[in-house]
Amino acid sequence: MTARERFHAVMRFEPVDRLPLVEWAAWWDETVARWEAEGLPRGLDRYELYEYFGLDMWYQDWWRPLHWEAPKPARHGMGIIEDESGYEGIRGYLYQILERWPIDPVRWREWCEAQRRGAVVWFTVDGFFWFSRVLLGIERHLYAFYDQPKLLHRINTELAEWMVRMIERVCEICVPDFMTFAEDMSYNHGPMLSEALFNEFLLPYYQRVVPELKRRGIWVFVDSDGDVSAAVPWFERAGIEGILPLERQSGVDVGVLRRRHPRMRFIGHYDKLVMSKGSGAMRAEFERLIAVARQGGFIISCDHQTPPEVSLANYWEYVKLFREYAEQVGGRGAREIGS
């Protein structure tokens, strides 16, 4: 099977020749720098690293609704606007669709050809929690659900319409295999907003965009760090089909999520903190995950970017074990679950 055939089969809970061997996120710069000092060829980009380690090829783009020449926050976590007048003031930097930004048609045509040869192609967009936080900053954004609801609705209305235009444009070139809404709306103890606020401020905008994706056959995922367990049924109501990365350090348990949500798909969940602890610890982590992976609908991958305490030798051992466990599933078929 090609990487693309393998991906879609897992998403459909169908048999595969082996599990996908993937890194859904690029490695930390510090990690790659360490590996180069330990013998990794220098200057390899993300996709050359996939080839070097023998991983499946997944091409990703991230479409940002805010142009890179927009004003910058004074420091991390601060926004660039305070209120609706500030939003009006940066309108010239928002929601543009220009040649080569956010979509580079040359790159997407190249990826379309790679997709025909069997690669997976996907994209990310700033989601309906994420983007208003970018604009307002972390603290002001959380107050805005109560103090500036009209502004949040305006931002998300315009963001949703921009997303629909972006989807239409890229699908003229290439229909992606899946996408993620970048949200990061949870922390270690759960979501940063209530279900009522989700229903009011996020759900209507998912319901505008998600059908446009599904009717084109694009699998719909949400990317949220932290413990997303309580929010999974919220996302299900919004039509979301999958969640990543299921950070282990936040207490997420894919086995529990699968029992509660049998048709939800998952990517990630391999505890990145065991990768520096040797073969035994890495093998135990694969053992923890493999039963759910055999059911289909779950692609094992590092639950976030591989940290720099992982040596090149550690990573090669991880890849070797990953392939071993991936091939255990091959040919056995995926057990159809749910309804």
Protein backbone atom coordinates (compact mmCIF):
# COMPACT_ATOMS: atom_id res chain seq x y z
CA MET A 1 0.00 0.00 0.00
CA THR A 2 1.07 3.59 -0.51
CA ALA A 3 1.18 6.01 2.40
CA ARG A 4 -2.04 7.57 1.15
CA GLU A 5 -3.86 4.25 0.77
CA ARG A 6 -2.68 3.26 4.23
CA PHE A 7 -3.88 6.54 5.77
CA HIS A 8 -7.36 6.32 4.28
CA ALA A 9 -7.73 2.66 5.20
CA VAL A 10 -6.93 3.42 8.84
CA MET A 11 -9.40 6.31 8.81
CA ARG A 12 -12.08 3.92 7.51
CA PHE A 13 -11.21 1.22 10.07
CA GLU A 14 -10.15 -1.07 7.22
CA PRO A 15 -7.25 -3.57 6.97
CA VAL A 16 -3.75 -2.26 6.19
CA ASP A 17 -0.45 -3.82 5.18
CA ARG A 18 1.07 -2.10 8.22
CA LEU A 19 0.33 0.88 10.39
CA PRO A 20 1.48 4.27 9.06
CA LEU A 21 4.98 5.30 10.13
CA VAL A 22 4.58 9.02 10.61
CA GLU A 23 5.73 12.16 12.38
CA TRP A 24 2.72 14.44 12.16
CA ALA A 25 4.75 17.43 13.41
CA ALA A 26 8.21 18.56 12.36
CA TRP A 27 11.04 18.05 14.83
CA TRP A 28 12.29 20.80 17.15
CA ASP A 29 15.20 22.78 15.70
CA GLU A 30 17.20 21.96 18.84
CA THR A 31 16.59 18.25 18.30
CA VAL A 32 17.79 18.33 14.72
CA ALA A 33 20.84 20.40 15.72
CA ARG A 34 21.78 17.77 18.29
CA TRP A 35 21.37 14.99 15.73
CA GLU A 36 23.55 16.84 13.23
CA ALA A 37 26.27 16.98 15.87
CA GLU A 38 25.82 13.23 16.30
CA GLY A 39 26.14 12.38 12.61
CA LEU A 40 22.87 13.29 10.91
CA PRO A 41 23.58 14.82 7.48
CA ARG A 42 23.28 18.59 7.80
CA GLY A 43 20.66 20.75 6.18
CA LEU A 44 17.92 18.17 5.60
CA ASP A 45 14.45 19.66 5.50
CA ARG A 46 11.37 18.09 7.04
CA TYR A 47 10.55 15.91 4.04
CA GLU A 48 14.15 14.85 3.47
CA LEU A 49 14.17 13.75 7.11
CA TYR A 50 11.08 11.64 6.46
CA GLU A 51 12.96 9.90 3.66
CA TYR A 52 16.13 9.57 5.72
CA PHE A 53 14.33 7.78 8.56
CA GLY A 54 12.10 5.74 6.23
CA LEU A 55 8.85 7.36 7.36
CA ASP A 56 5.68 7.77 5.33
CA MET A 57 5.54 11.00 3.35
CA TRP A 58 2.99 13.53 4.61
CA TYR A 59 3.09 17.06 3.13
CA GLN A 60 1.59 19.84 5.26
CA ASP A 61 0.71 23.47 4.66
CA TRP A 62 -0.54 25.96 7.26
CA TRP A 63 -2.75 28.76 6.03
CA ARG A 64 -2.60 31.83 8.25
CA PRO A 65 -5.37 34.45 8.03
CA LEU A 66 -2.99 37.15 9.33
CA HIS A 67 -0.32 38.34 6.90
CA TRP A 68 3.29 38.10 8.09
CA GLU A 69 3.74 41.87 7.71
CA ALA A 70 1.04 42.56 10.30
CA PRO A 71 1.99 44.25 13.58
CA LYS A 72 3.68 41.93 16.06
CA PRO A 73 2.79 41.46 19.75
CA ALA A 74 5.11 43.10 22.26
CA ARG A 75 5.83 39.70 23.77
CA HIS A 76 4.61 36.13 23.64
CA GLY A 77 1.01 35.75 24.73
CA MET A 78 0.06 39.35 24.06
CA GLY A 79 -2.23 40.28 21.21
CA ILE A 80 -2.15 43.01 18.60
CA ILE A 81 -5.64 44.44 19.15
CA GLU A 82 -7.73 45.39 22.18
CA ASP A 83 -11.20 45.87 20.74
CA GLU A 84 -13.25 46.20 17.56
CA SER A 85 -11.59 49.47 16.55
CA GLY A 86 -8.25 47.69 16.71
CA TYR A 87 -9.68 44.92 14.57
CA GLU A 88 -10.75 47.51 12.01
CA GLY A 89 -7.24 48.95 12.10
CA ILE A 90 -5.60 45.70 10.96
CA ARG A 91 -8.19 44.73 8.36
CA GLY A 92 -5.67 45.23 5.59
CA TYR A 93 -3.60 42.35 6.98
CA LEU A 94 -6.49 39.90 7.32
CA TYR A 95 -8.14 37.24 5.18
CA GLN A 96 -6.26 37.91 1.98
CA ILE A 97 -5.97 35.36 -0.81
CA LEU A 98 -3.00 36.40 -2.90
CA GLU A 99 -0.77 34.57 -5.38
CA ARG A 100 1.64 32.47 -3.27
CA TRP A 101 -0.01 33.52 0.00
CA PRO A 102 -1.46 31.75 1.83
CA ILE A 103 -1.57 29.11 -0.93
CA ASP A 104 1.49 28.65 -3.11
CA PRO A 105 0.01 27.10 -6.29
CA VAL A 106 3.39 25.88 -7.53
CA ARG A 107 4.02 23.95 -4.33
CA TRP A 108 0.49 22.56 -4.28
CA ARG A 109 0.78 21.33 -7.87
CA GLU A 110 3.98 19.55 -6.91
CA TRP A 111 2.28 18.03 -3.89
CA CYS A 112 -0.69 16.99 -6.03
CA GLU A 113 1.69 14.99 -8.21
CA ALA A 114 3.25 13.47 -5.08
CA GLN A 115 -0.24 12.62 -3.86
CA ARG A 116 -0.90 10.76 -7.12
CA ARG A 117 2.24 8.74 -6.40
CA GLY A 118 0.95 7.88 -2.94
CA ALA A 119 1.88 10.69 -0.52
CA VAL A 120 -0.55 12.19 2.00
CA VAL A 121 -1.31 15.92 1.67
CA TRP A 122 -2.89 17.94 4.46
CA PHE A 123 -3.30 21.47 5.73
CA THR A 124 -3.87 23.36 8.96
CA VAL A 125 -5.84 26.55 9.61
CA ASP A 126 -6.02 28.76 12.69
CA GLY A 127 -9.20 27.64 14.42
CA PHE A 128 -12.08 29.54 15.98
CA PHE A 129 -10.56 29.57 19.47
CA TRP A 130 -6.95 29.96 18.32
CA PHE A 131 -7.21 32.91 15.95
CA SER A 132 -9.12 35.33 18.16
CA ARG A 133 -6.52 34.57 20.85
CA VAL A 134 -3.75 35.46 18.38
CA LEU A 135 -5.40 38.81 17.81
CA LEU A 136 -6.42 39.66 21.37
CA GLY A 137 -3.76 37.90 23.43
CA ILE A 138 -4.33 35.13 25.95
CA GLU A 139 -5.84 37.07 28.88
CA ARG A 140 -7.92 39.57 26.92
CA HIS A 141 -9.24 36.75 24.73
CA LEU A 142 -10.66 34.84 27.70
CA TYR A 143 -12.35 37.98 29.03
CA ALA A 144 -13.73 38.73 25.57
CA PHE A 145 -16.19 35.81 25.75
CA TYR A 146 -17.99 37.94 28.33
CA ASP A 147 -16.86 41.50 27.59
CA GLN A 148 -16.70 41.55 23.77
CA PRO A 149 -18.93 38.76 22.41
CA LYS A 150 -19.87 40.77 19.33
CA LEU A 151 -16.22 41.06 18.34
CA LEU A 152 -15.58 37.32 18.74
CA HIS A 153 -18.60 36.50 16.59
CA ARG A 154 -17.44 38.95 13.94
CA ILE A 155 -13.93 37.49 13.87
CA ASN A 156 -15.22 33.93 13.57
CA THR A 157 -17.82 34.80 10.95
CA GLU A 158 -15.18 36.38 8.74
CA LEU A 159 -12.66 33.64 9.48
CA ALA A 160 -15.15 30.94 8.50
CA GLU A 161 -15.96 32.61 5.19
CA TRP A 162 -12.24 33.01 4.47
CA MET A 163 -11.70 29.30 5.19
CA VAL A 164 -14.45 28.35 2.74
CA ARG A 165 -12.80 30.43 0.01
CA MET A 166 -9.42 28.88 0.79
CA ILE A 167 -10.86 25.36 0.58
CA GLU A 168 -12.47 26.15 -2.74
CA ARG A 169 -9.22 27.55 -4.10
CA VAL A 170 -6.92 24.73 -3.03
CA CYS A 171 -9.34 22.06 -4.22
CA GLU A 172 -9.10 23.50 -7.72
CA ILE A 173 -5.48 22.34 -7.59
CA CYS A 174 -5.51 19.35 -5.25
CA VAL A 175 -8.00 17.83 -2.83
CA PRO A 176 -6.14 17.34 0.48
CA ASP A 177 -6.47 14.06 2.35
CA PHE A 178 -7.13 15.64 5.72
CA MET A 179 -6.88 18.90 7.64
CA THR A 180 -6.60 20.21 11.18
CA PHE A 181 -8.17 23.16 12.92
CA ALA A 182 -5.40 24.43 15.20
CA GLU A 183 -7.12 25.25 18.49
CA ASP A 184 -4.92 24.44 21.54
CA MET A 185 -7.99 25.12 23.68
CA SER A 186 -7.13 22.75 26.54
CA TYR A 187 -4.52 22.66 29.25
CA ASN A 188 -3.54 19.92 31.70
CA HIS A 189 -6.88 19.99 33.53
CA GLY A 190 -9.23 20.30 30.59
CA PRO A 191 -10.70 22.87 28.19
CA MET A 192 -10.16 26.59 28.73
CA LEU A 193 -13.82 27.36 28.04
CA SER A 194 -17.13 25.83 29.01
CA GLU A 195 -19.37 23.74 26.83
CA ALA A 196 -21.87 26.60 26.77
CA LEU A 197 -19.22 28.99 25.43
CA PHE A 198 -18.11 26.40 22.88
CA ASN A 199 -21.70 26.03 21.69
CA GLU A 200 -22.15 29.78 21.35
CA PHE A 201 -18.80 30.94 19.98
CA LEU A 202 -17.26 27.98 18.11
CA LEU A 203 -19.92 25.46 17.12
CA PRO A 204 -21.77 27.63 14.56
CA TYR A 205 -18.55 28.31 12.68
CA TYR A 206 -17.45 24.68 12.61
CA GLN A 207 -20.90 23.94 11.23
CA ARG A 208 -20.26 26.45 8.44
CA VAL A 209 -16.88 25.02 7.40
CA VAL A 210 -16.95 21.30 8.22
CA PRO A 211 -19.60 20.38 5.59
CA GLU A 212 -17.47 22.07 2.91
CA LEU A 213 -14.61 19.75 3.85
CA LYS A 214 -16.64 16.58 4.15
CA ARG A 215 -18.37 16.95 0.82
CA ARG A 216 -14.93 16.96 -0.79
CA GLY A 217 -13.82 13.86 1.11
CA ILE A 218 -11.34 15.68 3.38
CA TRP A 219 -11.00 14.12 6.83
CA VAL A 220 -11.57 16.76 9.53
CA PHE A 221 -9.35 16.88 12.63
CA VAL A 222 -8.84 19.24 15.55
CA ASP A 223 -5.34 19.86 16.92
CA SER A 224 -5.48 20.70 20.60
CA ASP A 225 -2.80 20.25 23.19
CA GLY A 226 -3.67 19.44 26.80
CA ASP A 227 -6.45 17.21 28.09
CA VAL A 228 -9.15 17.29 25.42
CA SER A 229 -11.16 14.41 26.91
CA ALA A 230 -14.10 16.52 28.08
CA ALA A 231 -14.27 18.36 24.75
CA VAL A 232 -14.38 15.30 22.49
CA PRO A 233 -18.20 15.09 22.49
CA TRP A 234 -18.36 18.81 21.74
CA PHE A 235 -16.21 18.27 18.68
CA GLU A 236 -18.27 15.27 17.63
CA ARG A 237 -21.38 17.43 17.58
CA ALA A 238 -19.50 19.88 15.35
CA GLY A 239 -18.81 17.11 12.83
CA ILE A 240 -15.12 16.74 13.69
CA GLU A 241 -13.87 13.26 12.78
CA GLY A 242 -10.50 13.12 14.53
CA ILE A 243 -8.27 14.65 17.19
CA LEU A 244 -4.51 14.95 17.63
CA PRO A 245 -2.00 14.80 19.36
CA LEU A 246 -3.48 13.36 22.64
CA GLU A 247 -0.69 14.49 24.94
CA ARG A 248 0.10 11.76 27.43
CA GLN A 249 1.48 14.16 30.05
CA SER A 250 -1.95 15.74 30.31
CA GLY A 251 -3.47 12.43 31.37
CA VAL A 252 -5.22 11.64 28.08
CA ASP A 253 -5.87 7.91 27.57
CA VAL A 254 -6.68 6.75 24.05
CA GLY A 255 -8.19 3.52 25.36
CA VAL A 256 -10.73 5.46 27.40
CA LEU A 257 -11.47 7.79 24.50
CA ARG A 258 -11.99 4.87 22.13
CA ARG A 259 -14.49 3.22 24.48
CA ARG A 260 -16.41 6.46 24.88
CA HIS A 261 -16.14 7.59 21.25
CA PRO A 262 -15.79 4.46 19.08
CA ARG A 263 -15.91 6.27 15.73
CA MET A 264 -13.55 9.15 16.57
CA ARG A 265 -10.14 8.96 14.87
CA PHE A 266 -6.88 9.76 16.64
CA ILE A 267 -3.30 10.61 15.66
CA GLY A 268 -0.37 10.77 18.08
CA HIS A 269 -0.39 9.81 21.78
CA TYR A 270 3.07 8.21 21.91
CA ASP A 271 4.67 9.69 25.04
CA LYS A 272 7.62 11.74 23.82
CA LEU A 273 9.19 11.68 27.28
CA VAL A 274 9.99 7.95 27.10
CA MET A 275 12.04 8.30 23.92
CA SER A 276 15.25 9.16 25.78
CA LYS A 277 14.88 6.33 28.30
CA GLY A 278 16.00 3.40 26.18
CA SER A 279 14.56 0.48 24.27
CA GLY A 280 12.61 -1.04 27.15
CA ALA A 281 10.70 2.13 27.92
CA MET A 282 9.98 2.75 24.25
CA ARG A 283 8.76 -0.82 23.74
CA ALA A 284 6.45 -0.55 26.76
CA GLU A 285 4.90 2.58 25.29
CA PHE A 286 4.19 0.81 21.98
CA GLU A 287 2.66 -2.07 23.95
CA ARG A 288 0.35 0.43 25.65
CA LEU A 289 -0.93 1.70 22.30
CA ILE A 290 -0.95 -1.25 19.94
CA ALA A 291 -4.28 -2.77 21.03
CA VAL A 292 -6.20 0.38 20.09
CA ALA A 293 -4.17 0.75 16.89
CA ARG A 294 -5.27 -2.77 15.86
CA GLN A 295 -8.88 -1.59 15.96
CA GLY A 296 -8.29 0.98 13.23
CA GLY A 297 -8.94 4.69 13.37
CA PHE A 298 -5.74 5.39 15.33
CA ILE A 299 -2.34 6.34 13.91
CA ILE A 300 0.46 6.12 16.44
CA SER A 301 2.85 9.07 16.36
CA CYS A 302 4.89 11.11 18.82
CA ASP A 303 2.41 13.12 20.92
CA HIS A 304 4.30 16.26 20.01
CA GLN A 305 7.65 17.19 18.54
CA THR A 306 10.54 14.93 19.56
CA PRO A 307 12.41 16.77 22.36
CA PRO A 308 16.15 17.53 22.19
CA GLU A 309 17.04 15.15 25.03
CA VAL A 310 16.41 12.33 22.52
CA SER A 311 19.71 11.32 20.91
CA LEU A 312 20.04 10.24 17.30
CA ALA A 313 20.69 6.70 18.53
CA ASN A 314 17.51 6.89 20.65
CA TYR A 315 15.53 8.01 17.64
CA TRP A 316 16.83 5.25 15.40
CA GLU A 317 15.81 2.75 18.08
CA TYR A 318 12.36 4.37 18.20
CA VAL A 319 12.01 4.07 14.41
CA LYS A 320 13.11 0.41 14.51
CA LEU A 321 10.57 -0.43 17.20
CA PHE A 322 7.89 1.64 15.45
CA ARG A 323 8.33 -0.41 12.29
CA GLU A 324 8.26 -3.65 14.27
CA TYR A 325 4.95 -2.80 15.89
CA ALA A 326 3.52 -1.28 12.71
CA GLU A 327 4.13 -4.54 10.88
CA GLN A 328 2.45 -6.56 13.64
CA VAL A 329 -0.85 -5.11 12.50
CA GLY A 330 -0.27 -5.68 8.80
CA GLY A 331 -2.46 -8.29 7.14
CA ARG A 332 -4.52 -8.95 10.25
CA GLY A 333 -7.21 -6.46 9.41
CA ALA A 334 -8.89 -3.81 11.50
CA ARG A 335 -11.77 -4.78 13.72
CA GLU A 336 -14.86 -2.84 12.76
CA ILE A 337 -16.27 -1.16 15.84
CA GLY A 338 -19.16 1.10 16.60
CA SER A 339 -22.09 1.60 14.28
